[in-house]
Amino acid sequence: MILQALTQYYDALNARGEIDAPGWGRPKISYALQLRENGELAQVIPLLHEVDAGKKKVLRPREDIRLPAAVKRSSGVTSNFMWDNSAYLLGVDAKGKPERSLQCFHAAAELHRKLLDTVDSPAAHAILSFFDTWQPAEAAQHPALVDDYDKLIAGANLVFYVNGQYPADDPAICAAWQAHYDGDSDAPKQQCLVTGELDEIAAVHPAIKGVRDAQSSGAALVSFNAPAFCSYGHEQNYNAPVGKHAAFAYTTALNHLLADREHTQYIGDTTVVCWAETAEPQYTDFFSCLMGNNTQSWSDNDLSAALKHLADSEPCQELNLDPDRAFYILGLAPNAARLSVRFFYKNTFGELMKNVNAHYERLEIKRPAKAPAGFLPLWQLLAETVNQSARDKKPSPVMAGATARAVWNNDRYPAALLNGVMLRIRADSEINWRRAAIIKAYYLKNKDKDCPEEVLTVSLNESSTNIPYTLGRLFSIYEAVQQAANPGINTTIKDRYFNSAAATPATIFPILGNLCQKHLRKLDKGLQTYYNQQICKIKDILSETYPTRLSLPQQGSFDLGYYHQTQKRYTKKEDK
């Protein structure tokens, strides 16, 4: 399913002219080896260019030169055509294994002779002459290499450059490569599991690059490299026969998605990419904005209006979004030299937006005046389950994946999400608007009689008779009295008693009541009357005895009561 969707996406991109044809790619190239027509190395041309990396500029290789596709290699000696590292094109590198470097050079020479011997082109003749005359042992003293020698042999990719052009731009050389790629093989053909067509089966698939924390050289999505993984005497990827075209298509499409950093999301240890079946970019743009990466600078009102239209299965004409368009989301995590699939989601764009909109509506809550407007992104929501002072600030991968699936499928949230947030509240004695929103959303979706809908409101529900909710409100009033009696106090009752008050009210609230009476005596008559009226109004809802212990859902009600009442206090201050 995943490979099929990626292959279809590649075909859509290819039809739009936005991706290279089979057999071609755009590798990272740092230097060009300029050759004379007789094959002599004239000079080395740096191709590095400056890009912004945070607050500074750094040099990066070019990735816009169309060249023959990279070969897949792990430990063997296999050369790329027209480009490669210094071991293959110059016969030297910095690894300290000169014999292997010579093997690489000879492999490159053999490949180029095989493909170019019959090509009548000045560039082809120059490259063949280069391989015939180049002496790797003299590379370090060559005038063209002296200045950049250490950088050249450090692993950077090089490309040939003849007569003012890259050889891959030479029609005759292109034709030779395409003929080689398309089919000089005598390998038997089988039915491809992806396309269903007869095709030469790819023994090794191209590497996937760009997944965070995976090997920089690339990792495999489909791989068999040990007898335990193989069946019926098959080796390598013959165990899961994928045709040459499909293998190239799905890896090229996935690398294309991962290279687009503006639309790549990160959830825990998972790298997330998304795409529309027809490869139209506006769908990816819109989804990325909803996930907290607004590269389009759309206003919150525009996003909200478009989301409402799509959630109602109505086209969004302004952004050219069709609710019936098929949409995919893929989450990948590193696993040594391989990739593991955390999740794969397919739905119509409208149905996905309906589910996302329902999620954001559940999260809606009264925010502090200084809180940012707009949607609460998934990554920010998950961050509330992690200690931000810890070295590792990534949320649990399992919990993160389960939460994402819950949002996109409009399903129940995982219990680990609530547990993580409640642990942070107890550890910090702090309930901010994001944590309150998560508690509210969780119990709106995961129904529990101990955290009823009457407490799951956007703002304060003064008519609620829920005991834990009312106790949270009372705690907030007690805190307000203390702050009024001791302006600028650093440590309030919240810091000392919040956790125990939420867990064992019968033990703590009598203490808080006595403290409140002492604090009230410090206030003027007007404030005393004001706070006494509030306290009496809330206590009328409560029974004469406090609950001995509150369950986890009841603690959620307590936290929401405290948060809502506190926001009401601050709102009144702002109104004044």
Protein backbone atom coordinates (compact mmCIF):
# COMPACT_ATOMS: atom_id res chain seq x y z
CA MET A 1 0.00 0.00 0.00
CA ILE A 2 2.75 2.47 0.97
CA LEU A 3 4.95 1.63 -2.02
CA GLN A 4 1.97 1.78 -4.34
CA ALA A 5 0.92 5.22 -3.06
CA LEU A 6 4.47 6.57 -3.38
CA THR A 7 4.81 5.15 -6.90
CA GLN A 8 1.54 6.82 -7.92
CA TYR A 9 2.80 10.06 -6.39
CA TYR A 10 6.02 9.76 -8.41
CA ASP A 11 4.03 9.24 -11.61
CA ALA A 12 1.95 12.33 -10.81
CA LEU A 13 5.06 14.42 -10.17
CA ASN A 14 6.67 13.10 -13.35
CA ALA A 15 3.56 14.02 -15.36
CA ARG A 16 3.79 17.55 -13.93
CA GLY A 17 7.50 17.76 -14.81
CA GLU A 18 8.48 18.25 -11.16
CA ILE A 19 10.73 15.23 -10.71
CA ASP A 20 13.44 13.45 -12.64
CA ALA A 21 12.67 10.57 -14.95
CA PRO A 22 13.67 7.00 -14.02
CA GLY A 23 17.41 6.58 -13.95
CA TRP A 24 18.13 10.18 -13.02
CA GLY A 25 18.55 12.15 -9.83
CA ARG A 26 20.05 15.25 -8.23
CA PRO A 27 22.77 14.18 -5.78
CA LYS A 28 24.77 16.55 -3.61
CA ILE A 29 27.77 17.81 -5.60
CA SER A 30 30.56 19.86 -4.05
CA TYR A 31 33.17 20.15 -6.84
CA ALA A 32 33.43 19.85 -10.63
CA LEU A 33 36.48 18.31 -12.36
CA GLN A 34 36.99 20.41 -15.50
CA LEU A 35 38.61 18.33 -18.25
CA ARG A 36 40.29 19.42 -21.47
CA GLU A 37 39.30 17.63 -24.66
CA ASN A 38 42.43 15.47 -24.40
CA GLY A 39 41.34 14.25 -20.96
CA GLU A 40 43.73 16.35 -18.87
CA LEU A 41 42.43 17.77 -15.58
CA ALA A 42 42.44 21.55 -16.07
CA GLN A 43 41.04 22.77 -12.76
CA VAL A 44 38.68 22.03 -9.90
CA ILE A 45 35.58 24.25 -9.70
CA PRO A 46 33.96 24.63 -6.25
CA LEU A 47 30.19 24.28 -6.43
CA LEU A 48 29.43 25.01 -2.78
CA HIS A 49 26.97 27.82 -2.10
CA GLU A 50 25.93 29.77 0.99
CA VAL A 51 22.66 28.99 2.76
CA ASP A 52 21.12 30.26 5.97
CA ALA A 53 21.46 27.92 8.96
CA GLY A 54 19.82 29.68 11.86
CA LYS A 55 21.68 32.92 12.52
CA LYS A 56 24.70 32.06 10.42
CA LYS A 57 25.52 31.15 6.84
CA VAL A 58 27.10 27.83 5.92
CA LEU A 59 28.38 26.27 2.71
CA ARG A 60 26.26 23.50 1.21
CA PRO A 61 26.73 21.29 -1.89
CA ARG A 62 24.57 21.91 -4.96
CA GLU A 63 21.53 19.69 -5.44
CA ASP A 64 20.22 21.06 -8.70
CA ILE A 65 22.41 19.24 -11.24
CA ARG A 66 20.59 16.48 -13.12
CA LEU A 67 22.80 13.39 -13.13
CA PRO A 68 22.50 9.59 -13.49
CA ALA A 69 20.84 8.03 -10.46
CA ALA A 70 23.03 6.91 -7.57
CA VAL A 71 23.80 3.23 -7.15
CA LYS A 72 23.01 1.45 -3.88
CA ARG A 73 26.11 0.25 -2.09
CA SER A 74 26.98 -0.72 1.46
CA SER A 75 30.41 -2.30 1.49
CA GLY A 76 30.93 -3.32 -2.13
CA VAL A 77 32.73 -1.45 -4.91
CA THR A 78 30.19 -0.04 -7.37
CA SER A 79 30.64 3.22 -9.25
CA ASN A 80 28.21 5.94 -10.15
CA PHE A 81 28.21 7.23 -13.71
CA MET A 82 29.65 10.71 -14.41
CA TRP A 83 29.91 11.58 -10.71
CA ASP A 84 31.09 10.09 -7.43
CA ASN A 85 33.54 10.71 -4.59
CA SER A 86 37.29 11.08 -4.97
CA ALA A 87 38.01 7.36 -4.51
CA TYR A 88 36.09 6.53 -7.71
CA LEU A 89 36.99 9.53 -9.88
CA LEU A 90 40.56 10.24 -8.64
CA GLY A 91 41.64 6.97 -7.01
CA VAL A 92 42.45 8.64 -3.66
CA ASP A 93 40.61 9.37 -0.44
CA ALA A 94 41.22 10.11 3.23
CA LYS A 95 40.35 6.65 4.56
CA GLY A 96 43.93 5.38 4.56
CA LYS A 97 43.20 2.35 2.33
CA PRO A 98 44.98 3.07 -0.97
CA GLU A 99 44.35 -0.42 -2.36
CA ARG A 100 40.61 -0.05 -1.99
CA SER A 101 40.74 3.45 -3.49
CA LEU A 102 42.45 1.99 -6.57
CA GLN A 103 39.75 -0.70 -6.76
CA CYS A 104 37.11 2.03 -6.77
CA PHE A 105 38.93 3.97 -9.49
CA HIS A 106 39.26 0.89 -11.70
CA ALA A 107 35.55 0.10 -11.19
CA ALA A 108 34.65 3.61 -12.32
CA ALA A 109 36.99 3.36 -15.32
CA GLU A 110 35.43 0.03 -16.32
CA LEU A 111 31.87 1.40 -16.09
CA HIS A 112 32.66 4.49 -18.15
CA ARG A 113 34.49 2.48 -20.80
CA LYS A 114 31.55 0.09 -21.05
CA LEU A 115 29.04 2.88 -21.57
CA LEU A 116 31.10 5.37 -23.60
CA ASP A 117 33.25 3.24 -25.94
CA THR A 118 30.70 3.55 -28.73
CA VAL A 119 29.67 7.15 -27.99
CA ASP A 120 30.93 9.68 -30.55
CA SER A 121 31.09 12.83 -28.47
CA PRO A 122 33.95 15.19 -27.45
CA ALA A 123 32.88 14.90 -23.80
CA ALA A 124 32.85 11.09 -23.96
CA HIS A 125 36.30 11.05 -25.57
CA ALA A 126 37.65 13.42 -22.91
CA ILE A 127 36.36 11.27 -20.05
CA LEU A 128 37.74 8.06 -21.56
CA SER A 129 41.10 9.76 -22.09
CA PHE A 130 41.04 10.91 -18.46
CA PHE A 131 40.60 7.36 -17.18
CA ASP A 132 43.32 6.11 -19.54
CA THR A 133 45.90 8.68 -18.44
CA TRP A 134 45.13 9.61 -14.84
CA GLN A 135 47.68 8.50 -12.25
CA PRO A 136 46.18 8.28 -8.74
CA ALA A 137 49.65 8.10 -7.17
CA GLU A 138 50.39 11.62 -8.46
CA ALA A 139 47.07 13.17 -7.40
CA ALA A 140 48.43 14.94 -4.32
CA GLN A 141 50.99 16.85 -6.45
CA HIS A 142 48.66 17.73 -9.31
CA PRO A 143 48.47 21.55 -9.69
CA ALA A 144 44.68 21.53 -10.08
CA LEU A 145 44.18 19.65 -6.81
CA VAL A 146 46.75 21.23 -4.49
CA ASP A 147 44.56 24.03 -3.11
CA ASP A 148 41.52 21.91 -2.24
CA TYR A 149 43.11 18.48 -1.95
CA ASP A 150 42.12 17.78 1.68
CA LYS A 151 38.52 18.85 1.03
CA LEU A 152 38.31 16.82 -2.18
CA ILE A 153 39.40 13.55 -0.57
CA ALA A 154 37.26 13.98 2.55
CA GLY A 155 34.22 12.38 0.91
CA ALA A 156 32.70 15.18 -1.16
CA ASN A 157 30.98 14.23 -4.41
CA LEU A 158 32.64 15.30 -7.67
CA VAL A 159 31.29 15.59 -11.22
CA PHE A 160 32.96 15.82 -14.62
CA TYR A 161 32.75 19.12 -16.53
CA VAL A 162 33.73 19.31 -20.22
CA ASN A 163 33.35 22.12 -22.78
CA GLY A 164 31.28 24.30 -20.50
CA GLN A 165 28.70 21.66 -19.63
CA TYR A 166 28.15 18.64 -17.45
CA PRO A 167 28.45 15.46 -19.52
CA ALA A 168 24.97 14.41 -18.45
CA ASP A 169 23.69 17.31 -20.57
CA ASP A 170 25.32 15.75 -23.66
CA PRO A 171 22.52 14.01 -25.66
CA ALA A 172 24.77 11.15 -26.77
CA ILE A 173 25.97 10.43 -23.23
CA CYS A 174 22.39 10.68 -21.91
CA ALA A 175 21.23 8.15 -24.48
CA ALA A 176 24.03 5.77 -23.54
CA TRP A 177 23.13 5.95 -19.86
CA GLN A 178 19.39 5.57 -20.50
CA ALA A 179 19.98 2.49 -22.67
CA HIS A 180 22.15 1.01 -19.91
CA TYR A 181 19.59 1.78 -17.23
CA ASP A 182 16.57 0.55 -19.18
CA GLY A 183 17.75 -2.73 -20.04
CA ASP A 184 20.96 -4.26 -20.81
CA SER A 185 20.24 -6.84 -18.16
CA ASP A 186 19.44 -10.47 -18.90
CA ALA A 187 17.75 -10.84 -15.52
CA PRO A 188 14.42 -12.67 -15.64
CA LYS A 189 11.25 -10.65 -15.27
CA GLN A 190 8.55 -11.24 -12.67
CA GLN A 191 5.28 -9.65 -11.73
CA CYS A 192 5.93 -6.55 -9.64
CA LEU A 193 4.06 -6.53 -6.33
CA VAL A 194 3.54 -2.77 -6.62
CA THR A 195 2.44 -2.22 -10.21
CA GLY A 196 1.27 -5.72 -11.10
CA GLU A 197 3.29 -5.55 -14.34
CA LEU A 198 6.13 -7.74 -15.57
CA ASP A 199 9.43 -6.05 -14.80
CA GLU A 200 13.02 -6.77 -13.90
CA ILE A 201 13.11 -7.20 -10.12
CA ALA A 202 15.37 -4.83 -8.18
CA ALA A 203 17.69 -6.86 -5.93
CA VAL A 204 18.60 -3.73 -3.95
CA HIS A 205 16.48 -0.59 -3.65
CA PRO A 206 17.94 2.94 -3.61
CA ALA A 207 18.59 4.46 -0.19
CA ILE A 208 16.13 6.77 1.60
CA LYS A 209 17.74 9.97 2.89
CA GLY A 210 16.40 12.71 5.13
CA VAL A 211 14.81 10.77 8.02
CA ARG A 212 15.97 12.42 11.25
CA ASP A 213 18.58 10.41 13.22
CA ALA A 214 18.87 7.80 10.46
CA GLN A 215 22.22 7.14 8.75
CA SER A 216 23.31 10.14 6.69
CA SER A 217 24.23 7.82 3.84
CA GLY A 218 20.63 6.63 3.70
CA ALA A 219 18.52 3.83 5.09
CA ALA A 220 16.36 1.12 3.56
CA LEU A 221 12.60 0.83 3.69
CA VAL A 222 12.66 -2.61 2.04
CA SER A 223 15.65 -4.81 2.85
CA PHE A 224 16.61 -8.48 3.34
CA ASN A 225 20.20 -9.09 4.39
CA ALA A 226 20.12 -12.15 6.65
CA PRO A 227 18.92 -15.73 6.16
CA ALA A 228 16.35 -15.31 8.93
CA PHE A 229 14.47 -12.76 6.80
CA CYS A 230 14.50 -14.82 3.59
CA SER A 231 12.10 -17.47 2.29
CA TYR A 232 12.00 -20.18 -0.36
CA GLY A 233 15.68 -19.83 -1.19
CA HIS A 234 15.36 -16.20 -2.34
CA GLU A 235 18.05 -13.64 -1.58
CA GLN A 236 17.94 -9.88 -0.96
CA ASN A 237 14.79 -8.14 -2.22
CA TYR A 238 13.78 -11.07 -4.39
CA ASN A 239 11.87 -12.10 -1.28
CA ALA A 240 9.47 -9.24 -2.00
CA PRO A 241 9.65 -8.76 -5.78
CA VAL A 242 9.43 -5.07 -6.61
CA GLY A 243 10.09 -4.05 -10.18
CA LYS A 244 12.95 -1.80 -11.19
CA HIS A 245 10.59 1.04 -12.09
CA ALA A 246 8.59 0.85 -8.86
CA ALA A 247 11.76 0.66 -6.73
CA PHE A 248 13.12 3.78 -8.38
CA ALA A 249 9.75 5.55 -8.30
CA TYR A 250 8.88 5.05 -4.65
CA THR A 251 12.40 5.86 -3.37
CA THR A 252 12.67 8.95 -5.59
CA ALA A 253 9.24 10.17 -4.48
CA LEU A 254 10.03 9.60 -0.81
CA ASN A 255 13.41 11.33 -1.07
CA HIS A 256 11.66 14.22 -2.82
CA LEU A 257 9.23 14.54 0.10
CA LEU A 258 11.96 14.28 2.74
CA ALA A 259 14.11 16.89 1.00
CA ASP A 260 11.28 19.42 1.37
CA ARG A 261 12.10 20.62 4.90
CA GLU A 262 9.35 23.24 4.88
CA HIS A 263 6.69 20.54 4.82
CA THR A 264 8.41 17.80 6.80
CA GLN A 265 7.02 17.43 10.33
CA TYR A 266 8.54 15.78 13.41
CA ILE A 267 6.46 13.97 16.02
CA GLY A 268 8.69 12.50 18.73
CA ASP A 269 11.31 10.41 16.94
CA THR A 270 9.12 10.18 13.84
CA THR A 271 9.69 12.08 10.61
CA VAL A 272 6.34 12.78 8.96
CA VAL A 273 5.69 13.51 5.28
CA CYS A 274 2.38 13.98 3.50
CA TRP A 275 1.13 14.33 -0.05
CA ALA A 276 -1.95 14.53 -2.22
CA GLU A 277 -2.50 11.75 -4.74
CA THR A 278 -2.37 14.24 -7.63
CA ALA A 279 0.83 15.91 -6.29
CA GLU A 280 -0.84 19.33 -6.02
CA PRO A 281 1.23 21.34 -3.52
CA GLN A 282 -1.61 23.36 -1.95
CA TYR A 283 -2.81 20.33 0.01
CA THR A 284 0.58 19.79 1.62
CA ASP A 285 0.85 23.53 2.30
CA PHE A 286 -2.49 23.63 4.08
CA PHE A 287 -1.89 20.52 6.16
CA SER A 288 1.56 21.75 7.21
CA CYS A 289 0.02 25.04 8.35
CA LEU A 290 -2.51 23.18 10.50
CA MET A 291 0.33 21.17 12.04
CA GLY A 292 2.14 24.36 13.06
CA ASN A 293 4.44 25.06 10.11
CA ASN A 294 2.83 28.03 8.38
CA THR A 295 5.26 28.67 5.54
CA GLN A 296 2.55 30.46 3.58
CA SER A 297 1.93 33.11 6.25
CA TRP A 298 -1.82 32.55 6.07
CA SER A 299 -3.85 34.31 8.74
CA ASP A 300 -5.55 32.31 11.49
CA ASN A 301 -8.93 33.51 10.19
CA ASP A 302 -8.19 32.26 6.65
CA LEU A 303 -7.02 28.90 7.97
CA SER A 304 -10.04 28.55 10.25
CA ALA A 305 -12.50 29.50 7.49
CA ALA A 306 -10.92 27.07 5.01
CA LEU A 307 -10.90 24.31 7.64
CA LYS A 308 -14.63 24.82 8.34
CA HIS A 309 -15.45 24.59 4.61
CA LEU A 310 -13.48 21.39 4.15
CA ALA A 311 -14.86 19.87 7.37
CA ASP A 312 -18.35 20.39 5.93
CA SER A 313 -17.23 18.63 2.71
CA GLU A 314 -17.31 21.93 0.81
CA PRO A 315 -14.56 22.93 -1.66
CA CYS A 316 -12.36 25.82 -0.60
CA GLN A 317 -12.29 27.90 -3.76
CA GLU A 318 -9.85 30.50 -2.39
CA LEU A 319 -7.11 27.90 -1.79
CA ASN A 320 -8.19 25.51 -4.55
CA LEU A 321 -8.78 22.61 -2.17
CA ASP A 322 -11.07 19.71 -3.05
CA PRO A 323 -12.45 17.70 -0.08
CA ASP A 324 -12.62 14.54 -2.23
CA ARG A 325 -8.90 14.51 -3.03
CA ALA A 326 -7.06 11.44 -1.68
CA PHE A 327 -4.41 12.38 0.90
CA TYR A 328 -1.62 10.38 2.54
CA ILE A 329 0.45 10.78 5.73
CA LEU A 330 3.54 8.63 6.39
CA GLY A 331 5.57 8.50 9.60
CA LEU A 332 9.08 6.98 9.52
CA ALA A 333 11.49 6.34 12.38
CA PRO A 334 15.17 5.29 12.22
CA ASN A 335 16.17 1.74 13.06
CA ALA A 336 19.89 1.20 12.46
CA ALA A 337 20.37 1.08 8.68
CA ARG A 338 16.66 0.61 8.13
CA LEU A 339 13.46 2.55 8.55
CA SER A 340 10.44 1.51 10.55
CA VAL A 341 6.95 2.68 9.64
CA ARG A 342 5.32 4.33 12.67
CA PHE A 343 2.06 4.98 10.87
CA PHE A 344 0.52 5.27 7.42
CA TYR A 345 -2.74 7.15 6.94
CA LYS A 346 -4.96 7.43 3.87
CA ASN A 347 -8.24 9.31 3.59
CA THR A 348 -9.96 11.99 1.57
CA PHE A 349 -8.71 15.45 2.39
CA GLY A 350 -12.17 16.55 3.48
CA GLU A 351 -12.60 13.66 5.91
CA LEU A 352 -9.14 14.32 7.36
CA MET A 353 -9.97 18.00 7.83
CA LYS A 354 -13.28 17.05 9.48
CA ASN A 355 -11.36 14.96 12.02
CA VAL A 356 -8.70 17.64 12.57
CA ASN A 357 -11.38 20.31 13.01
CA ALA A 358 -13.15 18.17 15.62
CA HIS A 359 -9.84 17.83 17.46
CA TYR A 360 -9.23 21.58 17.46
CA GLU A 361 -12.78 22.26 18.64
CA ARG A 362 -12.23 19.92 21.59
CA LEU A 363 -9.03 21.81 22.44
CA GLU A 364 -10.74 25.20 22.43
CA ILE A 365 -10.41 26.88 25.83
CA LYS A 366 -10.18 30.35 27.34
CA ARG A 367 -6.57 31.50 26.96
CA PRO A 368 -4.53 34.11 28.84
CA ALA A 369 -4.34 37.47 27.11
CA LYS A 370 -0.68 36.98 26.21
CA ALA A 371 -1.15 33.46 24.82
CA PRO A 372 -0.73 33.11 21.05
CA ALA A 373 -3.84 32.83 18.95
CA GLY A 374 -4.47 30.08 16.41
CA PHE A 375 -4.40 26.31 16.56
CA LEU A 376 -2.42 24.27 19.08
CA PRO A 377 0.03 22.28 16.90
CA LEU A 378 0.45 18.60 17.56
CA TRP A 379 4.17 18.92 18.39
CA GLN A 380 3.39 21.60 20.99
CA LEU A 381 0.63 19.50 22.48
CA LEU A 382 2.98 16.53 22.84
CA ALA A 383 5.68 18.75 24.35
CA GLU A 384 3.42 19.26 27.38
CA THR A 385 4.05 15.63 28.34
CA VAL A 386 7.83 16.11 28.58
CA ASN A 387 10.06 17.84 31.11
CA GLN A 388 11.49 20.71 29.08
CA SER A 389 14.50 20.89 31.41
CA ALA A 390 15.49 17.31 30.62
CA ARG A 391 18.26 16.46 28.19
CA ASP A 392 15.93 14.42 25.99
CA LYS A 393 12.86 16.54 25.22
CA LYS A 394 11.25 14.08 22.82
CA PRO A 395 7.89 12.63 23.84
CA SER A 396 7.34 8.88 23.92
CA PRO A 397 7.39 7.62 20.30
CA VAL A 398 4.55 5.18 20.93
CA MET A 399 2.39 7.83 22.61
CA ALA A 400 3.18 10.42 19.93
CA GLY A 401 2.19 8.04 17.12
CA ALA A 402 -0.98 6.97 18.92
CA THR A 403 -1.97 10.60 19.52
CA ALA A 404 -1.42 11.52 15.86
CA ARG A 405 -3.54 8.59 14.71
CA ALA A 406 -6.26 9.56 17.20
CA VAL A 407 -6.38 13.10 15.79
CA TRP A 408 -6.45 12.03 12.14
CA ASN A 409 -8.98 9.24 12.67
CA ASN A 410 -11.12 11.15 15.20
CA ASP A 411 -10.52 8.28 17.58
CA ARG A 412 -10.01 8.04 21.36
CA TYR A 413 -6.84 9.68 22.65
CA PRO A 414 -4.27 7.33 24.21
CA ALA A 415 -4.27 7.16 28.00
CA ALA A 416 -0.52 7.89 27.89
CA LEU A 417 -1.28 11.43 26.67
CA LEU A 418 -3.41 12.24 29.71
CA ASN A 419 -1.00 10.50 32.09
CA GLY A 420 1.92 12.46 30.68
CA VAL A 421 0.14 15.80 31.09
CA MET A 422 -1.07 15.00 34.62
CA LEU A 423 2.45 13.99 35.66
CA ARG A 424 3.79 17.33 34.41
CA ILE A 425 1.06 19.21 36.29
CA ARG A 426 1.94 17.38 39.51
CA ALA A 427 5.67 17.81 38.98
CA ASP A 428 5.44 21.54 38.21
CA SER A 429 2.31 22.46 40.21
CA GLU A 430 1.42 24.36 37.08
CA ILE A 431 -1.59 24.06 34.81
CA ASN A 432 -1.23 26.28 31.74
CA TRP A 433 -3.79 26.75 28.98
CA ARG A 434 -2.28 24.00 26.81
CA ARG A 435 -2.47 21.42 29.61
CA ALA A 436 -6.00 22.47 30.47
CA ALA A 437 -6.97 22.19 26.79
CA ILE A 438 -5.53 18.65 26.62
CA ILE A 439 -7.49 17.53 29.70
CA LYS A 440 -10.67 19.03 28.24
CA ALA A 441 -10.15 17.43 24.82
CA TYR A 442 -9.24 14.05 26.33
CA TYR A 443 -12.40 13.70 28.39
CA LEU A 444 -14.64 15.10 25.66
CA LYS A 445 -13.49 12.20 23.48
CA ASN A 446 -12.77 9.59 26.18
CA LYS A 447 -16.00 9.88 28.16
CA ASP A 448 -15.85 9.42 31.94
CA LYS A 449 -18.66 10.09 34.44
CA ASP A 450 -16.14 11.50 36.93
CA CYS A 451 -15.19 14.24 34.46
CA PRO A 452 -18.58 15.17 32.97
CA GLU A 453 -19.29 17.53 30.10
CA GLU A 454 -20.49 20.27 32.45
CA VAL A 455 -16.84 20.88 33.44
CA LEU A 456 -15.48 20.48 29.89
CA THR A 457 -16.36 24.00 28.83
CA VAL A 458 -14.40 26.70 27.06
CA SER A 459 -14.61 29.05 30.02
CA LEU A 460 -15.85 29.03 33.62
CA ASN A 461 -19.13 27.21 34.24
CA GLU A 462 -20.45 28.85 37.40
CA SER A 463 -23.58 26.71 37.36
CA SER A 464 -21.66 23.42 37.60
CA THR A 465 -22.35 21.39 40.74
CA ASN A 466 -19.49 18.95 40.15
CA ILE A 467 -17.65 18.64 43.47
CA PRO A 468 -14.04 18.24 42.19
CA TYR A 469 -14.57 21.11 39.71
CA THR A 470 -15.94 23.31 42.48
CA LEU A 471 -13.04 22.42 44.76
CA GLY A 472 -10.63 23.55 42.03
CA ARG A 473 -12.53 26.85 41.83
CA LEU A 474 -12.33 27.24 45.61
CA PHE A 475 -8.58 26.60 45.58
CA SER A 476 -8.17 29.39 43.02
CA ILE A 477 -10.12 31.82 45.25
CA TYR A 478 -7.98 30.88 48.26
CA GLU A 479 -4.88 31.60 46.16
CA ALA A 480 -6.31 34.97 45.08
CA VAL A 481 -6.93 35.93 48.70
CA GLN A 482 -3.37 35.05 49.66
CA GLN A 483 -1.97 37.11 46.76
CA ALA A 484 -4.18 40.09 47.68
CA ALA A 485 -3.02 39.89 51.30
CA ASN A 486 0.66 39.48 50.37
CA PRO A 487 1.38 41.39 47.13
CA GLY A 488 4.42 40.11 45.26
CA ILE A 489 4.60 36.85 47.20
CA ASN A 490 6.92 34.36 45.54
CA THR A 491 5.57 31.09 46.94
CA THR A 492 1.80 30.66 47.09
CA ILE A 493 -0.41 27.89 48.39
CA LYS A 494 -0.37 26.46 44.86
CA ASP A 495 3.33 25.66 45.18
CA ARG A 496 2.85 23.89 48.55
CA TYR A 497 -0.63 22.39 48.48
CA PHE A 498 -1.92 22.10 44.89
CA ASN A 499 -1.04 18.44 44.33
CA SER A 500 -2.24 17.23 47.71
CA ALA A 501 -5.42 19.34 47.47
CA ALA A 502 -6.24 17.72 44.11
CA ALA A 503 -5.58 14.21 45.44
CA THR A 504 -6.80 14.32 49.09
CA PRO A 505 -9.14 17.32 49.59
CA ALA A 506 -10.42 16.19 53.00
CA THR A 507 -6.89 16.50 54.43
CA ILE A 508 -5.84 19.78 52.82
CA PHE A 509 -8.90 22.03 52.44
CA PRO A 510 -9.48 22.55 56.18
CA ILE A 511 -5.89 23.79 56.38
CA LEU A 512 -6.45 26.07 53.38
CA GLY A 513 -9.65 27.41 54.92
CA ASN A 514 -7.84 28.40 58.11
CA LEU A 515 -5.06 30.07 56.13
CA CYS A 516 -7.62 31.97 54.08
CA GLN A 517 -9.23 33.42 57.21
CA LYS A 518 -5.83 34.71 58.35
CA HIS A 519 -5.21 36.26 54.93
CA LEU A 520 -8.66 37.88 54.87
CA ARG A 521 -7.90 39.76 58.09
CA LYS A 522 -5.10 41.60 56.28
CA LEU A 523 -7.49 43.00 53.64
CA ASP A 524 -9.70 46.08 53.78
CA LYS A 525 -13.42 45.67 54.38
CA GLY A 526 -14.34 45.97 50.72
CA LEU A 527 -12.06 43.15 49.60
CA GLN A 528 -13.03 41.02 52.61
CA THR A 529 -16.67 41.31 51.63
CA TYR A 530 -15.93 40.60 47.96
CA TYR A 531 -13.92 37.42 48.63
CA ASN A 532 -16.25 36.19 51.40
CA GLN A 533 -19.17 36.42 48.98
CA GLN A 534 -17.26 34.37 46.40
CA ILE A 535 -16.18 31.76 48.95
CA CYS A 536 -19.70 31.41 50.38
CA LYS A 537 -21.21 31.10 46.91
CA ILE A 538 -18.83 28.25 46.06
CA LYS A 539 -19.18 26.54 49.45
CA ASP A 540 -22.96 26.45 48.99
CA ILE A 541 -22.35 23.91 46.22
CA LEU A 542 -20.14 21.75 48.42
CA SER A 543 -21.28 19.43 51.19
CA GLU A 544 -20.13 19.85 54.75
CA THR A 545 -17.45 17.18 54.27
CA TYR A 546 -14.81 17.08 51.59
CA PRO A 547 -14.05 13.94 49.53
CA THR A 548 -11.32 11.79 51.06
CA ARG A 549 -9.64 11.04 47.74
CA LEU A 550 -10.11 12.06 44.09
CA SER A 551 -9.62 9.66 41.19
CA LEU A 552 -7.62 10.65 38.11
CA PRO A 553 -10.71 11.85 36.15
CA GLN A 554 -11.86 13.76 39.23
CA GLN A 555 -8.44 15.36 39.46
CA GLY A 556 -8.91 16.42 35.84
CA SER A 557 -12.16 18.13 36.87
CA PHE A 558 -10.33 19.79 39.79
CA ASP A 559 -7.60 21.09 37.48
CA LEU A 560 -10.12 22.51 35.02
CA GLY A 561 -12.06 24.19 37.82
CA TYR A 562 -8.87 25.81 39.09
CA TYR A 563 -7.84 26.89 35.60
CA HIS A 564 -11.24 28.33 34.64
CA GLN A 565 -11.61 30.26 37.91
CA THR A 566 -8.07 31.62 37.62
CA GLN A 567 -8.70 32.82 34.08
CA LYS A 568 -11.89 34.50 35.27
CA ARG A 569 -9.83 36.36 37.91
CA TYR A 570 -7.30 37.53 35.33
CA THR A 571 -10.04 38.53 32.90
CA LYS A 572 -11.55 40.82 35.51
CA LYS A 573 -8.14 42.42 36.14
CA GLU A 574 -7.71 43.07 32.42
CA ASP A 575 -11.20 44.57 32.20
CA LYS A 576 -10.34 47.05 34.95
